[in-house]
């Protein structure tokens, strides 16, 4: 299919950041996943290293502010034995990161949870200020459908 030349040019435009900056941002989100999500012992001191006090998260129609997010992390970690994030896709531009990733977790009762997450992040001053995500439970109990926003 032939596209008008202005669309082809728009699609082939270079990113607004160089490859070094892209890798730096990708490594940042990997660290967030490792230090905050995968670390069952993560507390507010660790969370505050990566998330702004002005943080807002939209998850499947639920809105969390920073304090809600801290409560969400505590609630999530209270039921989980382990969790591993696997990034399928990661796109970076300027101060924005978008990921498609999977969360593979085991609850303390031994049941498995697998969720697919599509997330968009905005970073300001080295901290996440916004996350807009959709989380779909792939494997787990009906009660775990709110695993992305449970408080």
N, C-alpha and C. Protein backbone atom coordinates (compact mmCIF):
# COMPACT_ATOMS: atom_id res chain seq x y z
N UNK A 1 0.84 -1.18 0.00
CA UNK A 1 0.00 0.00 0.00
C UNK A 1 0.88 1.24 0.00
N UNK A 2 0.56 2.17 -0.88
CA UNK A 2 1.30 3.42 -0.92
C UNK A 2 0.61 4.46 -0.05
N UNK A 3 1.42 5.14 0.77
CA UNK A 3 0.91 6.19 1.62
C UNK A 3 1.37 7.54 1.06
N UNK A 4 0.61 8.57 1.33
CA UNK A 4 1.07 9.90 0.90
C UNK A 4 2.45 10.17 1.48
N UNK A 5 3.28 10.89 0.75
CA UNK A 5 4.67 11.09 1.16
C UNK A 5 4.78 11.78 2.52
N UNK A 6 3.83 12.65 2.88
CA UNK A 6 3.94 13.32 4.17
C UNK A 6 3.74 12.34 5.33
N UNK A 7 2.94 11.30 5.14
CA UNK A 7 2.76 10.29 6.18
C UNK A 7 4.01 9.44 6.29
N UNK A 8 4.59 9.07 5.13
CA UNK A 8 5.82 8.28 5.17
C UNK A 8 6.93 9.05 5.89
N UNK A 9 7.03 10.34 5.63
CA UNK A 9 8.04 11.14 6.30
C UNK A 9 7.78 11.19 7.80
N UNK A 10 6.53 11.35 8.19
CA UNK A 10 6.20 11.43 9.61
C UNK A 10 6.55 10.12 10.31
N UNK A 11 6.28 8.99 9.68
CA UNK A 11 6.59 7.70 10.28
C UNK A 11 8.09 7.46 10.39
N UNK A 12 8.85 8.02 9.51
CA UNK A 12 10.28 7.76 9.52
C UNK A 12 11.07 8.83 10.26
N UNK A 13 10.37 9.76 10.91
CA UNK A 13 11.08 10.81 11.64
C UNK A 13 11.86 10.20 12.81
N UNK A 14 13.05 10.71 13.06
CA UNK A 14 13.82 10.18 14.18
C UNK A 14 13.19 10.57 15.52
N UNK A 15 13.49 9.76 16.53
CA UNK A 15 13.01 10.05 17.88
C UNK A 15 13.63 11.36 18.36
N UNK A 16 13.02 11.95 19.34
CA UNK A 16 13.51 13.20 19.89
C UNK A 16 14.62 13.00 20.93
N UNK A 17 14.99 11.77 21.22
CA UNK A 17 16.11 11.52 22.12
C UNK A 17 17.04 10.51 21.48
N UNK A 18 18.31 10.57 21.90
CA UNK A 18 19.29 9.67 21.29
C UNK A 18 19.24 8.28 21.94
N UNK A 19 19.97 7.35 21.35
CA UNK A 19 19.93 5.96 21.81
C UNK A 19 20.42 5.81 23.25
N UNK A 20 21.41 6.60 23.65
CA UNK A 20 21.90 6.55 25.02
C UNK A 20 20.79 6.91 26.01
N UNK A 21 20.06 7.98 25.71
CA UNK A 21 18.96 8.42 26.57
C UNK A 21 17.84 7.38 26.60
N UNK A 22 17.57 6.76 25.46
CA UNK A 22 16.55 5.70 25.42
C UNK A 22 16.94 4.55 26.33
N UNK A 23 18.18 4.11 26.24
CA UNK A 23 18.64 3.01 27.08
C UNK A 23 18.59 3.39 28.56
N UNK A 24 18.93 4.62 28.85
CA UNK A 24 18.88 5.11 30.23
C UNK A 24 17.44 5.03 30.77
N UNK A 25 16.47 5.44 29.96
CA UNK A 25 15.07 5.39 30.36
C UNK A 25 14.59 3.94 30.50
N UNK A 26 14.98 3.07 29.58
CA UNK A 26 14.61 1.66 29.67
C UNK A 26 15.18 1.03 30.94
N UNK A 27 16.43 1.37 31.26
CA UNK A 27 17.03 0.85 32.48
C UNK A 27 16.32 1.40 33.71
N UNK A 28 15.87 2.64 33.64
CA UNK A 28 15.12 3.24 34.76
C UNK A 28 13.85 2.43 35.04
N UNK A 29 13.07 2.13 34.01
CA UNK A 29 11.81 1.41 34.24
C UNK A 29 12.09 -0.02 34.71
N UNK A 30 13.17 -0.63 34.21
CA UNK A 30 13.56 -1.96 34.70
C UNK A 30 13.90 -1.91 36.18
N UNK A 31 14.59 -0.86 36.61
CA UNK A 31 14.92 -0.69 38.03
C UNK A 31 13.66 -0.48 38.87
N UNK A 32 12.72 0.29 38.35
CA UNK A 32 11.45 0.49 39.06
C UNK A 32 10.77 -0.86 39.28
N UNK A 33 10.67 -1.65 38.23
CA UNK A 33 10.04 -2.96 38.34
C UNK A 33 10.79 -3.83 39.35
N UNK A 34 12.12 -3.83 39.29
CA UNK A 34 12.93 -4.68 40.17
C UNK A 34 12.84 -4.20 41.62
N UNK A 35 13.07 -2.91 41.86
CA UNK A 35 13.18 -2.39 43.22
C UNK A 35 11.84 -2.18 43.92
N UNK A 36 10.80 -1.84 43.15
CA UNK A 36 9.50 -1.53 43.75
C UNK A 36 8.52 -2.68 43.63
N UNK A 37 8.39 -3.25 42.45
CA UNK A 37 7.37 -4.28 42.22
C UNK A 37 7.87 -5.66 42.64
N UNK A 38 9.03 -6.07 42.13
CA UNK A 38 9.52 -7.42 42.41
C UNK A 38 10.05 -7.58 43.84
N UNK A 39 10.48 -6.52 44.44
CA UNK A 39 11.03 -6.55 45.79
C UNK A 39 9.88 -6.61 46.80
N UNK A 40 9.64 -7.78 47.34
CA UNK A 40 8.53 -7.98 48.29
C UNK A 40 8.73 -7.13 49.55
N UNK A 41 9.97 -6.77 49.85
CA UNK A 41 10.27 -5.96 51.04
C UNK A 41 10.23 -4.46 50.76
N UNK A 42 9.91 -4.05 49.53
CA UNK A 42 9.89 -2.62 49.20
C UNK A 42 8.92 -1.88 50.10
N UNK A 43 9.39 -0.76 50.63
CA UNK A 43 8.56 0.07 51.51
C UNK A 43 8.47 1.48 50.93
N UNK A 44 7.86 2.38 51.67
CA UNK A 44 7.67 3.73 51.14
C UNK A 44 8.99 4.44 50.87
N UNK A 45 10.02 4.16 51.66
CA UNK A 45 11.32 4.79 51.42
C UNK A 45 11.84 4.42 50.03
N UNK A 46 11.66 3.17 49.63
CA UNK A 46 12.09 2.73 48.29
C UNK A 46 11.16 3.30 47.23
N UNK A 47 9.86 3.24 47.47
CA UNK A 47 8.89 3.77 46.50
C UNK A 47 9.16 5.23 46.22
N UNK A 48 9.47 6.01 47.25
CA UNK A 48 9.68 7.46 47.09
C UNK A 48 10.92 7.79 46.27
N UNK A 49 11.82 6.85 46.09
CA UNK A 49 12.99 7.07 45.24
C UNK A 49 12.61 7.15 43.77
N UNK A 50 11.50 6.52 43.41
CA UNK A 50 11.11 6.41 42.00
C UNK A 50 9.81 7.13 41.65
N UNK A 51 8.97 7.40 42.66
CA UNK A 51 7.65 7.98 42.40
C UNK A 51 7.52 9.34 43.07
N UNK A 52 7.01 10.29 42.31
CA UNK A 52 6.81 11.66 42.81
C UNK A 52 5.68 11.69 43.83
N UNK A 53 5.74 12.60 44.80
CA UNK A 53 4.61 12.77 45.72
C UNK A 53 3.34 13.20 44.99
N UNK A 54 3.49 13.71 43.77
CA UNK A 54 2.35 14.13 42.94
C UNK A 54 1.87 13.02 42.01
N UNK A 55 2.35 11.82 42.21
CA UNK A 55 2.06 10.69 41.35
C UNK A 55 0.55 10.40 41.26
N UNK A 56 0.12 10.12 40.03
CA UNK A 56 -1.26 9.69 39.75
C UNK A 56 -1.19 8.46 38.87
N UNK A 57 -2.02 7.46 39.20
CA UNK A 57 -2.09 6.24 38.41
C UNK A 57 -3.54 5.95 38.05
N UNK A 58 -3.77 5.67 36.79
CA UNK A 58 -5.07 5.24 36.29
C UNK A 58 -4.95 3.76 35.96
N UNK A 59 -5.77 2.91 36.61
CA UNK A 59 -5.72 1.47 36.38
C UNK A 59 -7.14 0.96 36.17
N UNK A 60 -7.44 0.55 34.96
CA UNK A 60 -8.75 -0.06 34.68
C UNK A 60 -9.91 0.75 35.25
N UNK A 61 -9.84 2.07 35.13
CA UNK A 61 -10.92 2.93 35.59
C UNK A 61 -10.80 3.39 37.03
N UNK A 62 -9.79 2.93 37.76
CA UNK A 62 -9.55 3.36 39.14
C UNK A 62 -8.39 4.36 39.14
N UNK A 63 -8.52 5.41 39.94
CA UNK A 63 -7.47 6.42 40.03
C UNK A 63 -6.82 6.33 41.41
N UNK A 64 -5.49 6.23 41.42
CA UNK A 64 -4.72 6.19 42.65
C UNK A 64 -3.80 7.40 42.71
N UNK A 65 -3.73 8.07 43.87
CA UNK A 65 -2.71 9.09 44.06
C UNK A 65 -1.50 8.43 44.72
N UNK A 66 -0.50 9.20 45.09
CA UNK A 66 0.72 8.63 45.66
C UNK A 66 0.42 7.78 46.90
N UNK A 67 -0.35 8.34 47.84
CA UNK A 67 -0.67 7.59 49.07
C UNK A 67 -1.45 6.32 48.77
N UNK A 68 -2.39 6.41 47.82
CA UNK A 68 -3.14 5.21 47.41
C UNK A 68 -2.20 4.16 46.82
N UNK A 69 -1.22 4.63 46.03
CA UNK A 69 -0.27 3.71 45.41
C UNK A 69 0.57 3.00 46.47
N UNK A 70 1.01 3.74 47.47
CA UNK A 70 1.78 3.12 48.56
C UNK A 70 0.92 2.07 49.25
N UNK A 71 -0.35 2.37 49.49
CA UNK A 71 -1.27 1.40 50.10
C UNK A 71 -1.47 0.19 49.19
N UNK A 72 -1.57 0.46 47.90
CA UNK A 72 -1.71 -0.61 46.91
C UNK A 72 -0.50 -1.55 46.96
N UNK A 73 0.70 -0.98 47.02
CA UNK A 73 1.90 -1.81 47.07
C UNK A 73 1.91 -2.65 48.35
N UNK A 74 1.54 -2.05 49.48
CA UNK A 74 1.48 -2.80 50.75
C UNK A 74 0.47 -3.94 50.66
N UNK A 75 -0.69 -3.65 50.11
CA UNK A 75 -1.74 -4.67 49.98
C UNK A 75 -1.29 -5.80 49.06
N UNK A 76 -0.68 -5.43 47.94
CA UNK A 76 -0.21 -6.43 46.99
C UNK A 76 0.85 -7.32 47.62
N UNK A 77 1.80 -6.70 48.30
CA UNK A 77 2.90 -7.47 48.89
C UNK A 77 2.44 -8.32 50.07
N UNK A 78 1.34 -7.93 50.71
CA UNK A 78 0.84 -8.72 51.85
C UNK A 78 0.30 -10.08 51.42
N UNK A 79 -0.09 -10.21 50.14
CA UNK A 79 -0.63 -11.49 49.66
C UNK A 79 0.34 -12.27 48.78
N UNK A 80 1.45 -11.61 48.34
CA UNK A 80 2.36 -12.25 47.40
C UNK A 80 3.59 -12.84 48.09
N UNK A 81 4.00 -13.99 47.58
CA UNK A 81 5.26 -14.62 47.99
C UNK A 81 6.38 -14.14 47.07
N UNK A 82 6.05 -14.00 45.77
CA UNK A 82 7.04 -13.56 44.79
C UNK A 82 6.33 -12.98 43.57
N UNK A 83 7.06 -12.13 42.86
CA UNK A 83 6.54 -11.57 41.61
C UNK A 83 7.72 -11.26 40.69
N UNK A 84 7.55 -11.53 39.42
CA UNK A 84 8.57 -11.26 38.41
C UNK A 84 7.90 -10.53 37.25
N UNK A 85 8.53 -9.44 36.80
CA UNK A 85 8.02 -8.68 35.66
C UNK A 85 8.84 -9.06 34.43
N UNK A 86 8.14 -9.38 33.35
CA UNK A 86 8.78 -9.69 32.07
C UNK A 86 8.30 -8.65 31.07
N UNK A 87 9.23 -7.86 30.56
CA UNK A 87 8.88 -6.81 29.60
C UNK A 87 8.86 -7.41 28.21
N UNK A 88 7.71 -7.33 27.55
CA UNK A 88 7.58 -7.80 26.18
C UNK A 88 7.97 -6.71 25.18
N UNK A 89 7.55 -5.48 25.47
CA UNK A 89 7.83 -4.33 24.59
C UNK A 89 8.07 -3.10 25.45
N UNK A 90 8.98 -2.25 25.01
CA UNK A 90 9.24 -1.00 25.72
C UNK A 90 9.58 0.06 24.68
N UNK A 91 8.84 1.17 24.74
CA UNK A 91 9.05 2.28 23.81
C UNK A 91 9.32 3.52 24.65
N UNK A 92 10.33 4.28 24.23
CA UNK A 92 10.73 5.47 24.98
C UNK A 92 10.80 6.66 24.04
N UNK A 93 10.30 7.80 24.50
CA UNK A 93 10.47 9.06 23.78
C UNK A 93 10.38 10.20 24.77
N UNK A 94 11.35 11.07 24.72
CA UNK A 94 11.45 12.21 25.65
C UNK A 94 11.33 11.69 27.08
N UNK A 95 10.34 12.16 27.81
CA UNK A 95 10.15 11.77 29.21
C UNK A 95 9.05 10.72 29.37
N UNK A 96 8.77 9.99 28.31
CA UNK A 96 7.67 9.02 28.31
C UNK A 96 8.19 7.61 28.05
N UNK A 97 7.61 6.67 28.77
CA UNK A 97 7.93 5.26 28.59
C UNK A 97 6.61 4.50 28.46
N UNK A 98 6.53 3.62 27.50
CA UNK A 98 5.36 2.75 27.36
C UNK A 98 5.85 1.31 27.37
N UNK A 99 5.19 0.48 28.16
CA UNK A 99 5.58 -0.93 28.20
C UNK A 99 4.36 -1.82 28.01
N UNK A 100 4.62 -2.96 27.45
CA UNK A 100 3.69 -4.08 27.52
C UNK A 100 4.49 -5.12 28.28
N UNK A 101 3.98 -5.51 29.44
CA UNK A 101 4.71 -6.46 30.26
C UNK A 101 3.77 -7.42 30.95
N UNK A 102 4.36 -8.47 31.47
CA UNK A 102 3.60 -9.48 32.20
C UNK A 102 4.11 -9.54 33.62
N UNK A 103 3.19 -9.69 34.55
CA UNK A 103 3.53 -9.90 35.94
C UNK A 103 3.23 -11.36 36.26
N UNK A 104 4.25 -12.10 36.64
CA UNK A 104 4.11 -13.51 37.03
C UNK A 104 4.32 -13.56 38.53
N UNK A 105 3.29 -13.95 39.27
CA UNK A 105 3.37 -13.92 40.73
C UNK A 105 2.83 -15.20 41.33
N UNK A 106 3.30 -15.45 42.54
CA UNK A 106 2.77 -16.52 43.37
C UNK A 106 2.30 -15.91 44.68
N UNK A 107 1.07 -16.24 45.03
CA UNK A 107 0.53 -15.78 46.29
C UNK A 107 1.08 -16.65 47.42
N UNK A 108 0.96 -16.15 48.63
CA UNK A 108 1.43 -16.89 49.79
C UNK A 108 0.71 -18.22 49.95
N UNK A 109 -0.52 -18.30 49.41
CA UNK A 109 -1.26 -19.57 49.48
C UNK A 109 -0.87 -20.55 48.37
N UNK A 110 0.10 -20.16 47.54
CA UNK A 110 0.60 -21.04 46.49
C UNK A 110 -0.05 -20.87 45.13
N UNK A 111 -1.15 -20.13 45.04
CA UNK A 111 -1.79 -19.94 43.74
C UNK A 111 -0.99 -18.97 42.88
N UNK A 112 -1.11 -19.19 41.58
CA UNK A 112 -0.37 -18.40 40.61
C UNK A 112 -1.25 -17.29 40.04
N UNK A 113 -0.61 -16.15 39.80
CA UNK A 113 -1.26 -15.03 39.12
C UNK A 113 -0.37 -14.64 37.94
N UNK A 114 -1.00 -14.49 36.77
CA UNK A 114 -0.31 -13.92 35.62
C UNK A 114 -1.20 -12.81 35.09
N UNK A 115 -0.63 -11.63 34.96
CA UNK A 115 -1.38 -10.49 34.44
C UNK A 115 -0.60 -9.85 33.30
N UNK A 116 -1.33 -9.44 32.27
CA UNK A 116 -0.74 -8.68 31.18
C UNK A 116 -1.04 -7.22 31.45
N UNK A 117 -0.01 -6.38 31.32
CA UNK A 117 -0.15 -4.96 31.63
C UNK A 117 0.34 -4.13 30.44
N UNK A 118 -0.49 -3.18 30.05
CA UNK A 118 -0.09 -2.17 29.07
C UNK A 118 -0.03 -0.87 29.84
N UNK A 119 1.16 -0.26 29.91
CA UNK A 119 1.34 0.90 30.77
C UNK A 119 2.08 2.03 30.06
N UNK A 120 1.64 3.23 30.35
CA UNK A 120 2.26 4.46 29.85
C UNK A 120 2.72 5.25 31.08
N UNK A 121 3.99 5.66 31.09
CA UNK A 121 4.56 6.40 32.21
C UNK A 121 5.09 7.75 31.75
N UNK A 122 4.96 8.75 32.61
CA UNK A 122 5.62 10.04 32.39
C UNK A 122 6.57 10.29 33.56
N UNK A 123 7.76 10.78 33.21
CA UNK A 123 8.82 11.02 34.18
C UNK A 123 9.11 12.51 34.25
N UNK A 124 9.21 13.04 35.47
CA UNK A 124 9.64 14.43 35.68
C UNK A 124 10.64 14.45 36.82
N UNK A 125 11.74 15.15 36.61
CA UNK A 125 12.78 15.26 37.64
C UNK A 125 13.21 13.90 38.18
N UNK A 126 13.31 12.92 37.29
CA UNK A 126 13.81 11.61 37.66
C UNK A 126 12.83 10.71 38.39
N UNK A 127 11.55 11.13 38.46
CA UNK A 127 10.55 10.32 39.15
C UNK A 127 9.29 10.18 38.30
N UNK A 128 8.58 9.08 38.51
CA UNK A 128 7.35 8.83 37.78
C UNK A 128 6.25 9.72 38.36
N UNK A 129 5.57 10.48 37.49
CA UNK A 129 4.47 11.34 37.92
C UNK A 129 3.12 10.82 37.45
N UNK A 130 3.13 9.97 36.42
CA UNK A 130 1.88 9.46 35.86
C UNK A 130 2.08 8.04 35.36
N UNK A 131 1.09 7.21 35.63
CA UNK A 131 1.01 5.88 35.01
C UNK A 131 -0.43 5.69 34.59
N UNK A 132 -0.62 5.35 33.33
CA UNK A 132 -1.95 5.05 32.80
C UNK A 132 -1.86 3.62 32.28
N UNK A 133 -2.59 2.71 32.94
CA UNK A 133 -2.41 1.30 32.60
C UNK A 133 -3.72 0.54 32.49
N UNK A 134 -3.64 -0.51 31.72
CA UNK A 134 -4.69 -1.52 31.66
C UNK A 134 -4.06 -2.83 32.08
N UNK A 135 -4.70 -3.50 33.03
CA UNK A 135 -4.20 -4.78 33.52
C UNK A 135 -5.26 -5.84 33.28
N UNK A 136 -4.84 -6.93 32.66
CA UNK A 136 -5.75 -8.04 32.38
C UNK A 136 -5.23 -9.28 33.07
N UNK A 137 -6.05 -9.88 33.90
CA UNK A 137 -5.70 -11.12 34.57
C UNK A 137 -5.74 -12.25 33.55
N UNK A 138 -4.62 -12.91 33.36
CA UNK A 138 -4.52 -14.04 32.43
C UNK A 138 -4.74 -15.36 33.18
N UNK A 139 -4.16 -15.45 34.38
CA UNK A 139 -4.32 -16.64 35.20
C UNK A 139 -4.45 -16.19 36.66
N UNK A 140 -5.40 -16.78 37.34
CA UNK A 140 -5.61 -16.44 38.74
C UNK A 140 -7.08 -16.55 39.10
N UNK A 141 -7.38 -16.27 40.34
CA UNK A 141 -8.75 -16.33 40.82
C UNK A 141 -9.49 -15.04 40.51
N UNK A 142 -10.79 -15.13 40.42
CA UNK A 142 -11.64 -13.96 40.16
C UNK A 142 -11.32 -12.83 41.14
N UNK A 143 -11.05 -13.17 42.40
CA UNK A 143 -10.74 -12.18 43.42
C UNK A 143 -9.47 -11.39 43.11
N UNK A 144 -8.64 -11.88 42.17
CA UNK A 144 -7.38 -11.21 41.83
C UNK A 144 -7.50 -10.30 40.61
N UNK A 145 -8.71 -10.14 40.10
CA UNK A 145 -8.88 -9.27 38.93
C UNK A 145 -8.47 -7.82 39.21
N UNK A 146 -8.52 -7.40 40.47
CA UNK A 146 -8.15 -6.03 40.81
C UNK A 146 -6.70 -5.95 41.31
N UNK A 147 -5.88 -6.91 40.95
CA UNK A 147 -4.50 -6.96 41.43
C UNK A 147 -3.72 -5.70 41.05
N UNK A 148 -4.11 -5.02 40.00
CA UNK A 148 -3.43 -3.81 39.56
C UNK A 148 -3.81 -2.57 40.34
N UNK A 149 -4.87 -2.65 41.16
CA UNK A 149 -5.31 -1.46 41.91
C UNK A 149 -5.72 -1.76 43.34
N UNK A 150 -5.64 -3.00 43.78
CA UNK A 150 -6.07 -3.39 45.12
C UNK A 150 -5.38 -2.56 46.19
N UNK A 151 -6.18 -2.09 47.16
CA UNK A 151 -5.61 -1.33 48.30
C UNK A 151 -5.98 -2.02 49.59
